[in-house]
Amino acid sequence: MIWNEKYECMPRKDLNELQLSRLKAIVYKVYDRVPFYRESFDKAGFKPDNLKSLDDLRRIPFISKKDLRDNYPFKLFAEPMSNIVRIHSSSGTTGKPVVAGYTQNDINMWAELMARSLMCAGANSNDIIQNSYGYGLFTGGLGIHYGGERMGATVIPSSGGNTKRQVMMLQDFGTTVLTCTPSYALYIGEVAAEEMGIDIRTLPLRIGVLGAEPWSDNMRKEIEIKLGIDAMDIYGLTEVLGPGVSMECEQKNGLHVFEDHFIAEIIDPDTGEPLPYGETGELVFTSLTKEAFPVIRFRTRDITSLNPEPCGCGRTVARMRRVSGRTDDMLIIRGVNVFPSQIESVLMEIEDVEPHYEIVVERKGSLDDLQLRVEVNERLFSDEIRKLEAVQRRIQNELESVLGISIKVTLVEPKTIERSEGKAKRVRDLRPKE
């Protein structure tokens, strides 16, 4: 089913005309109201009147997360505080957080996009949605919540944590849609089976709307097997809106970007030059309808590609390939680019290996060194040493084949690696701070 056929199935020509009209309006607005954009445009020799076609967007400078932090907290708002009805922010673990403001129209638009997203995933007004994303300043909780209510579904605002209680609600409330990070979905399944003796596959749960961290197709298979659900990928980020920027449909062949509200570009992360459809690079977003905190050509650092061809589900908006990693998560080990998702994809193919791992990065001399700690199941860990060594060798060989470098692998006991009730932390960086 499709929530809004008018926009989700709009012919490309009409969609591009709508995008250009909205882009012109938002560019004039930020130039008039936000000093940062005015100075940035002027420095690049760009005036709003120069915007004649969508191709002219590439003449506008990028904005980065550093720019957002440098203008903390409200300097990038395009509306007065009297019109701001809500504020969200990023975690700010690496400095000042990114602060996003919302007008009431922004909140309404967000709810509309989340209703689209949930229906895109296969949910409907008869579903019971257990929302295990964190509430508060994080955008995930309230974003999903308002979208579920807009669609007419029943929403359980369970938030993250208290995992045994999450399992109890899945069982007692008849939850049919679970929304959380993919790593937390696996942890819920683990706690249910190993600590509570409950097989989630026997419950009414049928869909998982999972996002907020990169995850591989192999992890998707693991989740679907262990929880007995359709695991669907959702994408969003605080800087652009929150969840609801793009969403997978039942085809699982890319995430539909809601292009009536966002323009997506792919650029070469090194040169900043735009790349054609189908090529892999860094994702850049321009918001077209956000009133309080519009962003023009925001560099997400996420690595993906775009496909403009209509989907088998009937939607005509472009699809982005599932994010394979982030340029700022990329590790350069002995001259080779390594993404955690590449490692995860290999591990999920190997029997007796649990979906819990930790990448440890250290500096040895002038080079960075990577070690991998991987959990194995109880059966293998209690088996004879030569079987453990055989699995260890296989992991090392598979990783070397995929990455082109050798990595030291250590197998550890079950439950050794810390679990996450939110975003999983896969990398432990022990390199000295510059």
Foldseek 3Di string as FASTA:
>chain_A
DALDCCQQQPPPVVLQVLLLVLVLVVLVLQCVQAVVQVVQCVVLVHDSVVRDGPVCLLSGDADEVVNQQVCPDARQWSDDPVQFDDKAWDPQPPHGIRIDTAGPVLLVVLLSLLLRQCVLAPDALAAEEEEAAADDRAQRQVSNVSNNVVRNHHYHSPYFDPLVVVVVCVAPVQHAEYEAALLLLVVSLVCCCPVVVHQLLVTNHAEYEHEPAAAEVLSQVVSCVRNVYRYWYWDDDVLARHTRQWTHHPVLAFTFGSSSFKDKFFAAPVPRHTDDAPDKHWIWIFTRDGNTRTGRGYTPQFIWGKDQPADPVSGRGIGIHRTQAGNVQWDQFPNFTDGPNLLQVLQSVDPQWDSDKAWEWEDDPNGIAIAIETEGAPVQVPDDPVSVVVSQVVSQVSCCVRGVDGHHYDYDYPPPGDGDRHDDDRYDYPYDDD
